[in-house]
Amino acid sequence: SARTIDLQVPVSKDDMKEIILETLRENDLKDAYIRPIVTRGVGD
C-alpha cells in the first residue's frame, strides 16, 4: 500500500513485525486487534 502511494516506510519489514509484537507485549495481550499505521508525516 505504501509503495503504491509512493510513501517510504522508515523501518524495515522485520522491524515493523517486531514493533507489532513488542506493542502487544507492552500491553500484555494475547487476543487483540492490531493497527499499524504509517502517515506521510508533518508538512505544510
All heavy atoms as atom14 arrays in JSON, in Angstrom:
{
  "sequence": "SARTIDLQVPVSKDDMKEIILETLRENDLKDAYIRPIVTRGVGD",
  "atom14_mask": [
    [1, 1, 1, 1, 1, 1, 0, 0, 0, 0, 0, 0, 0, 0],
    [1, 1, 1, 1, 1, 0, 0, 0, 0, 0, 0, 0, 0, 0],
    [1, 1, 1, 1, 1, 1, 1, 1, 1, 1, 1, 0, 0, 0],
    [1, 1, 1, 1, 1, 1, 1, 0, 0, 0, 0, 0, 0, 0],
    [1, 1, 1, 1, 1, 1, 1, 1, 0, 0, 0, 0, 0, 0],
    [1, 1, 1, 1, 1, 1, 1, 1, 0, 0, 0, 0, 0, 0],
    [1, 1, 1, 1, 1, 1, 1, 1, 0, 0, 0, 0, 0, 0],
    [1, 1, 1, 1, 1, 1, 1, 1, 1, 0, 0, 0, 0, 0],
    [1, 1, 1, 1, 1, 1, 1, 0, 0, 0, 0, 0, 0, 0],
    [1, 1, 1, 1, 1, 1, 1, 0, 0, 0, 0, 0, 0, 0],
    [1, 1, 1, 1, 1, 1, 1, 0, 0, 0, 0, 0, 0, 0],
    [1, 1, 1, 1, 1, 1, 0, 0, 0, 0, 0, 0, 0, 0],
    [1, 1, 1, 1, 1, 1, 1, 1, 1, 0, 0, 0, 0, 0],
    [1, 1, 1, 1, 1, 1, 1, 1, 0, 0, 0, 0, 0, 0],
    [1, 1, 1, 1, 1, 1, 1, 1, 0, 0, 0, 0, 0, 0],
    [1, 1, 1, 1, 1, 1, 1, 1, 0, 0, 0, 0, 0, 0],
    [1, 1, 1, 1, 1, 1, 1, 1, 1, 0, 0, 0, 0, 0],
    [1, 1, 1, 1, 1, 1, 1, 1, 1, 0, 0, 0, 0, 0],
    [1, 1, 1, 1, 1, 1, 1, 1, 0, 0, 0, 0, 0, 0],
    [1, 1, 1, 1, 1, 1, 1, 1, 0, 0, 0, 0, 0, 0],
    [1, 1, 1, 1, 1, 1, 1, 1, 0, 0, 0, 0, 0, 0],
    [1, 1, 1, 1, 1, 1, 1, 1, 1, 0, 0, 0, 0, 0],
    [1, 1, 1, 1, 1, 1, 1, 0, 0, 0, 0, 0, 0, 0],
    [1, 1, 1, 1, 1, 1, 1, 1, 0, 0, 0, 0, 0, 0],
    [1, 1, 1, 1, 1, 1, 1, 1, 1, 1, 1, 0, 0, 0],
    [1, 1, 1, 1, 1, 1, 1, 1, 1, 0, 0, 0, 0, 0],
    [1, 1, 1, 1, 1, 1, 1, 1, 0, 0, 0, 0, 0, 0],
    [1, 1, 1, 1, 1, 1, 1, 1, 0, 0, 0, 0, 0, 0],
    [1, 1, 1, 1, 1, 1, 1, 1, 0, 0, 0, 0, 0, 0],
    [1, 1, 1, 1, 1, 1, 1, 1, 1, 0, 0, 0, 0, 0],
    [1, 1, 1, 1, 1, 1, 1, 1, 0, 0, 0, 0, 0, 0],
    [1, 1, 1, 1, 1, 0, 0, 0, 0, 0, 0, 0, 0, 0],
    [1, 1, 1, 1, 1, 1, 1, 1, 1, 1, 1, 1, 0, 0],
    [1, 1, 1, 1, 1, 1, 1, 1, 0, 0, 0, 0, 0, 0],
    [1, 1, 1, 1, 1, 1, 1, 1, 1, 1, 1, 0, 0, 0],
    [1, 1, 1, 1, 1, 1, 1, 0, 0, 0, 0, 0, 0, 0],
    [1, 1, 1, 1, 1, 1, 1, 1, 0, 0, 0, 0, 0, 0],
    [1, 1, 1, 1, 1, 1, 1, 0, 0, 0, 0, 0, 0, 0],
    [1, 1, 1, 1, 1, 1, 1, 0, 0, 0, 0, 0, 0, 0],
    [1, 1, 1, 1, 1, 1, 1, 1, 1, 1, 1, 0, 0, 0],
    [1, 1, 1, 1, 0, 0, 0, 0, 0, 0, 0, 0, 0, 0],
    [1, 1, 1, 1, 1, 1, 1, 0, 0, 0, 0, 0, 0, 0],
    [1, 1, 1, 1, 0, 0, 0, 0, 0, 0, 0, 0, 0, 0],
    [1, 1, 1, 1, 1, 1, 1, 1, 0, 0, 0, 0, 0, 0]
  ],
  "atom14_positions": [
    [[0.83, -1.2, 0.0], [0.0, 0.0, 0.0], [0.87, 1.25, 0.0], [0.62, 2.2, -0.75], [-0.93, 0.01, 1.22], [-1.92, -0.99, 1.14], [0.0, 0.0, 0.0], [0.0, 0.0, 0.0], [0.0, 0.0, 0.0], [0.0, 0.0, 0.0], [0.0, 0.0, 0.0], [0.0, 0.0, 0.0], [0.0, 0.0, 0.0], [0.0, 0.0, 0.0]],
    [[1.9, 1.24, 0.85], [2.8, 2.39, 0.95], [3.51, 2.64, -0.39], [3.64, 3.79, -0.85], [3.81, 2.19, 2.06], [0.0, 0.0, 0.0], [0.0, 0.0, 0.0], [0.0, 0.0, 0.0], [0.0, 0.0, 0.0], [0.0, 0.0, 0.0], [0.0, 0.0, 0.0], [0.0, 0.0, 0.0], [0.0, 0.0, 0.0], [0.0, 0.0, 0.0]],
    [[3.95, 1.56, -1.01], [4.68, 1.71, -2.28], [3.78, 2.29, -3.36], [4.21, 3.12, -4.17], [5.23, 0.36, -2.72], [6.07, 0.42, -3.98], [6.76, -0.9, -4.26], [7.63, -0.81, -5.42], [8.4, -1.79, -5.86], [8.42, -2.95, -5.23], [9.16, -1.62, -6.92], [0.0, 0.0, 0.0], [0.0, 0.0, 0.0], [0.0, 0.0, 0.0]],
    [[2.51, 1.89, -3.35], [1.57, 2.37, -4.36], [1.38, 3.88, -4.27], [1.23, 4.57, -5.29], [0.22, 1.66, -4.22], [0.41, 0.25, -4.3], [-0.74, 2.08, -5.33], [0.0, 0.0, 0.0], [0.0, 0.0, 0.0], [0.0, 0.0, 0.0], [0.0, 0.0, 0.0], [0.0, 0.0, 0.0], [0.0, 0.0, 0.0], [0.0, 0.0, 0.0]],
    [[1.39, 4.43, -3.05], [1.21, 5.88, -2.89], [2.55, 6.59, -2.75], [2.6, 7.76, -2.34], [0.27, 6.21, -1.72], [0.88, 5.83, -0.37], [-1.08, 5.55, -1.91], [0.13, 6.42, 0.82], [0.0, 0.0, 0.0], [0.0, 0.0, 0.0], [0.0, 0.0, 0.0], [0.0, 0.0, 0.0], [0.0, 0.0, 0.0], [0.0, 0.0, 0.0]],
    [[3.65, 5.89, -3.09], [4.99, 6.49, -3.07], [5.36, 7.01, -1.68], [5.91, 8.1, -1.53], [5.1, 7.6, -4.1], [6.56, 7.93, -4.44], [7.41, 7.05, -4.29], [6.83, 9.07, -4.85], [0.0, 0.0, 0.0], [0.0, 0.0, 0.0], [0.0, 0.0, 0.0], [0.0, 0.0, 0.0], [0.0, 0.0, 0.0], [0.0, 0.0, 0.0]],
    [[5.05, 6.19, -0.67], [5.38, 6.51, 0.72], [6.48, 5.57, 1.2], [6.3, 4.35, 1.18], [4.13, 6.36, 1.6], [4.3, 6.47, 3.11], [4.89, 7.82, 3.5], [2.96, 6.24, 3.81], [0.0, 0.0, 0.0], [0.0, 0.0, 0.0], [0.0, 0.0, 0.0], [0.0, 0.0, 0.0], [0.0, 0.0, 0.0], [0.0, 0.0, 0.0]],
    [[7.59, 6.11, 1.59], [8.72, 5.32, 2.04], [8.56, 5.0, 3.52], [8.67, 5.89, 4.37], [10.03, 6.07, 1.81], [11.28, 5.3, 2.21], [11.49, 4.04, 1.38], [11.42, 4.09, 0.15], [11.76, 2.93, 2.03], [0.0, 0.0, 0.0], [0.0, 0.0, 0.0], [0.0, 0.0, 0.0], [0.0, 0.0, 0.0], [0.0, 0.0, 0.0]],
    [[8.29, 3.73, 3.84], [8.18, 3.33, 5.25], [9.56, 3.44, 5.89], [10.53, 2.86, 5.38], [7.63, 1.89, 5.37], [7.48, 1.51, 6.83], [6.3, 1.76, 4.64], [0.0, 0.0, 0.0], [0.0, 0.0, 0.0], [0.0, 0.0, 0.0], [0.0, 0.0, 0.0], [0.0, 0.0, 0.0], [0.0, 0.0, 0.0], [0.0, 0.0, 0.0]],
    [[9.69, 4.16, 7.0], [11.02, 4.43, 7.57], [11.61, 3.29, 8.39], [12.65, 3.47, 9.02], [10.78, 5.66, 8.45], [9.36, 5.53, 8.88], [8.64, 4.9, 7.71], [0.0, 0.0, 0.0], [0.0, 0.0, 0.0], [0.0, 0.0, 0.0], [0.0, 0.0, 0.0], [0.0, 0.0, 0.0], [0.0, 0.0, 0.0], [0.0, 0.0, 0.0]],
    [[10.96, 2.12, 8.39], [11.51, 0.94, 9.07], [11.42, -0.23, 8.1], [10.66, -0.2, 7.13], [10.76, 0.61, 10.37], [10.87, 1.76, 11.38], [9.28, 0.29, 10.1], [0.0, 0.0, 0.0], [0.0, 0.0, 0.0], [0.0, 0.0, 0.0], [0.0, 0.0, 0.0], [0.0, 0.0, 0.0], [0.0, 0.0, 0.0], [0.0, 0.0, 0.0]],
    [[12.19, -1.28, 8.36], [12.15, -2.47, 7.52], [10.93, -3.32, 7.87], [10.27, -3.11, 8.9], [13.42, -3.3, 7.72], [13.43, -3.87, 9.02], [0.0, 0.0, 0.0], [0.0, 0.0, 0.0], [0.0, 0.0, 0.0], [0.0, 0.0, 0.0], [0.0, 0.0, 0.0], [0.0, 0.0, 0.0], [0.0, 0.0, 0.0], [0.0, 0.0, 0.0]],
    [[10.65, -4.29, 7.02], [9.54, -5.21, 7.31], [9.79, -5.97, 8.61], [8.87, -6.14, 9.43], [9.35, -6.19, 6.15], [8.73, -5.58, 4.91], [8.46, -6.65, 3.86], [7.82, -6.05, 2.62], [7.52, -7.08, 1.6], [0.0, 0.0, 0.0], [0.0, 0.0, 0.0], [0.0, 0.0, 0.0], [0.0, 0.0, 0.0], [0.0, 0.0, 0.0]],
    [[11.0, -6.43, 8.83], [11.32, -7.15, 10.07], [11.15, -6.24, 11.28], [10.64, -6.67, 12.33], [12.74, -7.71, 10.02], [12.88, -8.92, 9.11], [11.84, -9.55, 8.8], [14.0, -9.24, 8.7], [0.0, 0.0, 0.0], [0.0, 0.0, 0.0], [0.0, 0.0, 0.0], [0.0, 0.0, 0.0], [0.0, 0.0, 0.0], [0.0, 0.0, 0.0]],
    [[11.57, -5.0, 11.14], [11.39, -4.04, 12.24], [9.91, -3.81, 12.51], [9.49, -3.71, 13.67], [12.06, -2.71, 11.91], [13.58, -2.79, 11.98], [14.1, -3.73, 12.61], [14.24, -1.91, 11.38], [0.0, 0.0, 0.0], [0.0, 0.0, 0.0], [0.0, 0.0, 0.0], [0.0, 0.0, 0.0], [0.0, 0.0, 0.0], [0.0, 0.0, 0.0]],
    [[9.11, -3.71, 11.46], [7.68, -3.49, 11.64], [7.03, -4.67, 12.37], [6.19, -4.47, 13.26], [7.01, -3.29, 10.28], [5.51, -2.99, 10.36], [5.13, -1.42, 11.18], [5.6, -0.27, 9.88], [0.0, 0.0, 0.0], [0.0, 0.0, 0.0], [0.0, 0.0, 0.0], [0.0, 0.0, 0.0], [0.0, 0.0, 0.0], [0.0, 0.0, 0.0]],
    [[7.44, -5.87, 12.03], [6.9, -7.05, 12.73], [7.26, -7.01, 14.2], [6.43, -7.31, 15.08], [7.44, -8.33, 12.08], [6.95, -8.57, 10.67], [7.7, -9.73, 10.01], [7.46, -9.76, 8.52], [8.26, -10.8, 7.83], [0.0, 0.0, 0.0], [0.0, 0.0, 0.0], [0.0, 0.0, 0.0], [0.0, 0.0, 0.0], [0.0, 0.0, 0.0]],
    [[8.5, -6.62, 14.51], [8.92, -6.56, 15.9], [8.2, -5.45, 16.65], [7.86, -5.6, 17.83], [10.44, -6.37, 15.99], [11.0, -6.46, 17.4], [10.63, -7.76, 18.12], [10.55, -8.83, 17.48], [10.39, -7.69, 19.35], [0.0, 0.0, 0.0], [0.0, 0.0, 0.0], [0.0, 0.0, 0.0], [0.0, 0.0, 0.0], [0.0, 0.0, 0.0]],
    [[7.94, -4.33, 15.99], [7.16, -3.24, 16.59], [5.78, -3.75, 17.0], [5.29, -3.48, 18.1], [7.05, -2.06, 15.61], [8.38, -1.33, 15.5], [5.94, -1.09, 16.05], [8.45, -0.34, 14.35], [0.0, 0.0, 0.0], [0.0, 0.0, 0.0], [0.0, 0.0, 0.0], [0.0, 0.0, 0.0], [0.0, 0.0, 0.0], [0.0, 0.0, 0.0]],
    [[5.16, -4.5, 16.1], [3.82, -5.04, 16.37], [3.87, -6.0, 17.55], [3.05, -5.91, 18.49], [3.28, -5.74, 15.11], [2.95, -4.7, 14.04], [2.06, -6.61, 15.43], [2.71, -5.28, 12.66], [0.0, 0.0, 0.0], [0.0, 0.0, 0.0], [0.0, 0.0, 0.0], [0.0, 0.0, 0.0], [0.0, 0.0, 0.0], [0.0, 0.0, 0.0]],
    [[4.82, -6.91, 17.55], [4.92, -7.9, 18.63], [5.24, -7.23, 19.96], [4.67, -7.57, 21.01], [5.98, -8.94, 18.29], [5.67, -9.84, 17.09], [6.9, -10.67, 16.71], [4.49, -10.75, 17.37], [0.0, 0.0, 0.0], [0.0, 0.0, 0.0], [0.0, 0.0, 0.0], [0.0, 0.0, 0.0], [0.0, 0.0, 0.0], [0.0, 0.0, 0.0]],
    [[6.15, -6.26, 19.94], [6.53, -5.6, 21.19], [5.39, -4.75, 21.74], [5.23, -4.65, 22.96], [7.78, -4.74, 20.96], [8.4, -4.19, 22.23], [8.78, -5.26, 23.24], [9.17, -6.38, 22.83], [8.67, -4.98, 24.46], [0.0, 0.0, 0.0], [0.0, 0.0, 0.0], [0.0, 0.0, 0.0], [0.0, 0.0, 0.0], [0.0, 0.0, 0.0]],
    [[4.6, -4.16, 20.87], [3.45, -3.38, 21.35], [2.44, -4.3, 22.04], [1.84, -3.93, 23.06], [2.78, -2.62, 20.19], [3.75, -1.86, 19.48], [1.71, -1.68, 20.71], [0.0, 0.0, 0.0], [0.0, 0.0, 0.0], [0.0, 0.0, 0.0], [0.0, 0.0, 0.0], [0.0, 0.0, 0.0], [0.0, 0.0, 0.0], [0.0, 0.0, 0.0]],
    [[2.25, -5.49, 21.49], [1.39, -6.47, 22.16], [1.95, -6.85, 23.52], [1.21, -6.96, 24.52], [1.24, -7.71, 21.27], [0.38, -7.54, 20.01], [0.65, -8.67, 19.03], [-1.1, -7.5, 20.37], [0.0, 0.0, 0.0], [0.0, 0.0, 0.0], [0.0, 0.0, 0.0], [0.0, 0.0, 0.0], [0.0, 0.0, 0.0], [0.0, 0.0, 0.0]],
    [[3.26, -7.06, 23.58], [3.89, -7.43, 24.86], [3.76, -6.3, 25.88], [3.5, -6.55, 27.06], [5.36, -7.77, 24.62], [5.61, -9.0, 23.77], [7.11, -9.25, 23.57], [7.35, -10.14, 22.45], [8.15, -9.88, 21.42], [8.83, -8.72, 21.37], [8.31, -10.74, 20.44], [0.0, 0.0, 0.0], [0.0, 0.0, 0.0], [0.0, 0.0, 0.0]],
    [[3.95, -5.08, 25.42], [3.85, -3.93, 26.33], [2.46, -3.85, 26.96], [2.3, -3.36, 28.08], [4.14, -2.64, 25.55], [5.6, -2.42, 25.22], [6.42, -1.92, 26.41], [5.83, -1.27, 27.3], [7.63, -2.18, 26.43], [0.0, 0.0, 0.0], [0.0, 0.0, 0.0], [0.0, 0.0, 0.0], [0.0, 0.0, 0.0], [0.0, 0.0, 0.0]],
    [[1.45, -4.33, 26.23], [0.08, -4.28, 26.73], [-0.4, -5.62, 27.29], [-1.58, -5.75, 27.63], [-0.85, -3.81, 25.62], [-0.65, -2.34, 25.3], [-1.09, -1.47, 26.04], [0.02, -2.05, 24.19], [0.0, 0.0, 0.0], [0.0, 0.0, 0.0], [0.0, 0.0, 0.0], [0.0, 0.0, 0.0], [0.0, 0.0, 0.0], [0.0, 0.0, 0.0]],
    [[0.52, -6.6, 27.34], [0.21, -7.91, 27.91], [-1.02, -8.54, 27.26], [-1.92, -9.05, 27.92], [0.0, -7.79, 29.43], [0.05, -9.15, 30.13], [0.71, -10.07, 29.6], [-0.6, -9.29, 31.19], [0.0, 0.0, 0.0], [0.0, 0.0, 0.0], [0.0, 0.0, 0.0], [0.0, 0.0, 0.0], [0.0, 0.0, 0.0], [0.0, 0.0, 0.0]],
    [[-1.03, -8.51, 25.91], [-2.19, -9.0, 25.16], [-1.89, -10.33, 24.47], [-0.8, -10.54, 23.95], [-2.61, -7.97, 24.11], [-3.21, -6.67, 24.64], [-3.36, -5.66, 23.52], [-4.55, -6.93, 25.31], [0.0, 0.0, 0.0], [0.0, 0.0, 0.0], [0.0, 0.0, 0.0], [0.0, 0.0, 0.0], [0.0, 0.0, 0.0], [0.0, 0.0, 0.0]],
    [[-2.87, -11.2, 24.46], [-2.8, -12.46, 23.73], [-3.86, -12.52, 22.63], [-3.67, -13.19, 21.61], [-2.96, -13.64, 24.67], [-1.8, -13.82, 25.65], [-1.98, -15.06, 26.49], [-0.8, -15.28, 27.43], [-0.97, -16.48, 28.27], [0.0, 0.0, 0.0], [0.0, 0.0, 0.0], [0.0, 0.0, 0.0], [0.0, 0.0, 0.0], [0.0, 0.0, 0.0]],
    [[-5.0, -11.89, 22.88], [-6.09, -11.81, 21.9], [-6.34, -10.33, 21.65], [-6.76, -9.62, 22.57], [-7.35, -12.5, 22.41], [-7.15, -14.0, 22.59], [-7.38, -14.74, 21.62], [-6.76, -14.4, 23.7], [0.0, 0.0, 0.0], [0.0, 0.0, 0.0], [0.0, 0.0, 0.0], [0.0, 0.0, 0.0], [0.0, 0.0, 0.0], [0.0, 0.0, 0.0]],
    [[-6.1, -9.87, 20.44], [-6.11, -8.43, 20.22], [-6.38, -8.07, 18.78], [-6.2, -8.89, 17.86], [-4.77, -7.83, 20.65], [0.0, 0.0, 0.0], [0.0, 0.0, 0.0], [0.0, 0.0, 0.0], [0.0, 0.0, 0.0], [0.0, 0.0, 0.0], [0.0, 0.0, 0.0], [0.0, 0.0, 0.0], [0.0, 0.0, 0.0], [0.0, 0.0, 0.0]],
    [[-6.77, -6.82, 18.59], [-6.82, -6.19, 17.28], [-5.62, -5.25, 17.22], [-5.35, -4.5, 18.17], [-8.12, -5.42, 17.08], [-8.24, -4.79, 15.71], [-8.71, -5.53, 14.63], [-7.88, -3.46, 15.5], [-8.83, -4.96, 13.37], [-7.99, -2.89, 14.24], [-8.47, -3.64, 13.19], [-8.56, -3.07, 11.94], [0.0, 0.0, 0.0], [0.0, 0.0, 0.0]],
    [[-4.92, -5.25, 16.09], [-3.66, -4.51, 15.94], [-3.78, -3.55, 14.77], [-4.22, -3.94, 13.68], [-2.49, -5.49, 15.69], [-2.44, -6.57, 16.77], [-1.17, -4.74, 15.58], [-1.84, -7.87, 16.31], [0.0, 0.0, 0.0], [0.0, 0.0, 0.0], [0.0, 0.0, 0.0], [0.0, 0.0, 0.0], [0.0, 0.0, 0.0], [0.0, 0.0, 0.0]],
    [[-3.38, -2.3, 14.98], [-3.49, -1.3, 13.94], [-2.14, -0.6, 13.73], [-1.84, 0.4, 14.37], [-4.56, -0.28, 14.32], [-4.71, 0.95, 13.4], [-5.12, 0.58, 12.0], [-6.37, -0.12, 11.94], [-7.58, 0.46, 11.91], [-7.69, 1.76, 11.94], [-8.67, -0.29, 11.83], [0.0, 0.0, 0.0], [0.0, 0.0, 0.0], [0.0, 0.0, 0.0]],
    [[-1.28, -1.13, 12.83], [-0.09, -0.38, 12.44], [-0.45, 0.68, 11.41], [-1.25, 0.43, 10.5], [0.82, -1.46, 11.84], [-0.11, -2.52, 11.35], [-1.35, -2.46, 12.2], [0.0, 0.0, 0.0], [0.0, 0.0, 0.0], [0.0, 0.0, 0.0], [0.0, 0.0, 0.0], [0.0, 0.0, 0.0], [0.0, 0.0, 0.0], [0.0, 0.0, 0.0]],
    [[0.13, 1.85, 11.56], [-0.17, 2.99, 10.7], [1.13, 3.65, 10.26], [2.06, 3.79, 11.06], [-1.02, 4.04, 11.46], [-2.29, 3.41, 12.03], [-1.36, 5.23, 10.57], [-2.97, 4.26, 13.09], [0.0, 0.0, 0.0], [0.0, 0.0, 0.0], [0.0, 0.0, 0.0], [0.0, 0.0, 0.0], [0.0, 0.0, 0.0], [0.0, 0.0, 0.0]],
    [[1.19, 4.04, 9.0], [2.3, 4.87, 8.52], [1.69, 6.1, 7.87], [0.93, 5.98, 6.9], [3.19, 4.13, 7.5], [4.38, 5.02, 7.12], [3.68, 2.81, 8.06], [0.0, 0.0, 0.0], [0.0, 0.0, 0.0], [0.0, 0.0, 0.0], [0.0, 0.0, 0.0], [0.0, 0.0, 0.0], [0.0, 0.0, 0.0], [0.0, 0.0, 0.0]],
    [[1.96, 7.29, 8.42], [1.46, 8.52, 7.84], [2.57, 9.19, 7.03], [3.75, 8.91, 7.23], [0.97, 9.51, 8.9], [2.09, 10.16, 9.52], [0.15, 8.8, 9.97], [0.0, 0.0, 0.0], [0.0, 0.0, 0.0], [0.0, 0.0, 0.0], [0.0, 0.0, 0.0], [0.0, 0.0, 0.0], [0.0, 0.0, 0.0], [0.0, 0.0, 0.0]],
    [[2.17, 10.11, 6.14], [3.15, 10.84, 5.35], [4.04, 11.69, 6.26], [5.19, 11.97, 5.94], [2.45, 11.73, 4.34], [3.38, 12.44, 3.36], [3.9, 11.51, 2.28], [2.83, 11.04, 1.4], [3.02, 10.22, 0.38], [4.23, 9.77, 0.1], [2.0, 9.8, -0.36], [0.0, 0.0, 0.0], [0.0, 0.0, 0.0], [0.0, 0.0, 0.0]],
    [[3.52, 12.09, 7.4], [4.27, 12.9, 8.34], [3.93, 14.37, 8.27], [3.02, 14.8, 7.55], [0.0, 0.0, 0.0], [0.0, 0.0, 0.0], [0.0, 0.0, 0.0], [0.0, 0.0, 0.0], [0.0, 0.0, 0.0], [0.0, 0.0, 0.0], [0.0, 0.0, 0.0], [0.0, 0.0, 0.0], [0.0, 0.0, 0.0], [0.0, 0.0, 0.0]],
    [[4.68, 15.15, 9.01], [4.41, 16.58, 9.14], [4.87, 17.32, 7.88], [5.98, 17.13, 7.39], [5.13, 17.15, 10.38], [4.96, 18.67, 10.45], [4.6, 16.49, 11.65], [0.0, 0.0, 0.0], [0.0, 0.0, 0.0], [0.0, 0.0, 0.0], [0.0, 0.0, 0.0], [0.0, 0.0, 0.0], [0.0, 0.0, 0.0], [0.0, 0.0, 0.0]],
    [[3.98, 18.17, 7.37], [4.3, 19.02, 6.23], [3.69, 20.38, 6.43], [3.59, 20.87, 7.55], [0.0, 0.0, 0.0], [0.0, 0.0, 0.0], [0.0, 0.0, 0.0], [0.0, 0.0, 0.0], [0.0, 0.0, 0.0], [0.0, 0.0, 0.0], [0.0, 0.0, 0.0], [0.0, 0.0, 0.0], [0.0, 0.0, 0.0], [0.0, 0.0, 0.0]],
    [[3.23, 20.99, 5.33], [2.51, 22.26, 5.46], [1.07, 22.04, 5.02], [0.62, 20.91, 4.86], [3.21, 23.36, 4.67], [3.32, 23.05, 3.17], [2.55, 22.18, 2.68], [4.16, 23.67, 2.5], [0.0, 0.0, 0.0], [0.0, 0.0, 0.0], [0.0, 0.0, 0.0], [0.0, 0.0, 0.0], [0.0, 0.0, 0.0], [0.0, 0.0, 0.0]]
  ]
}
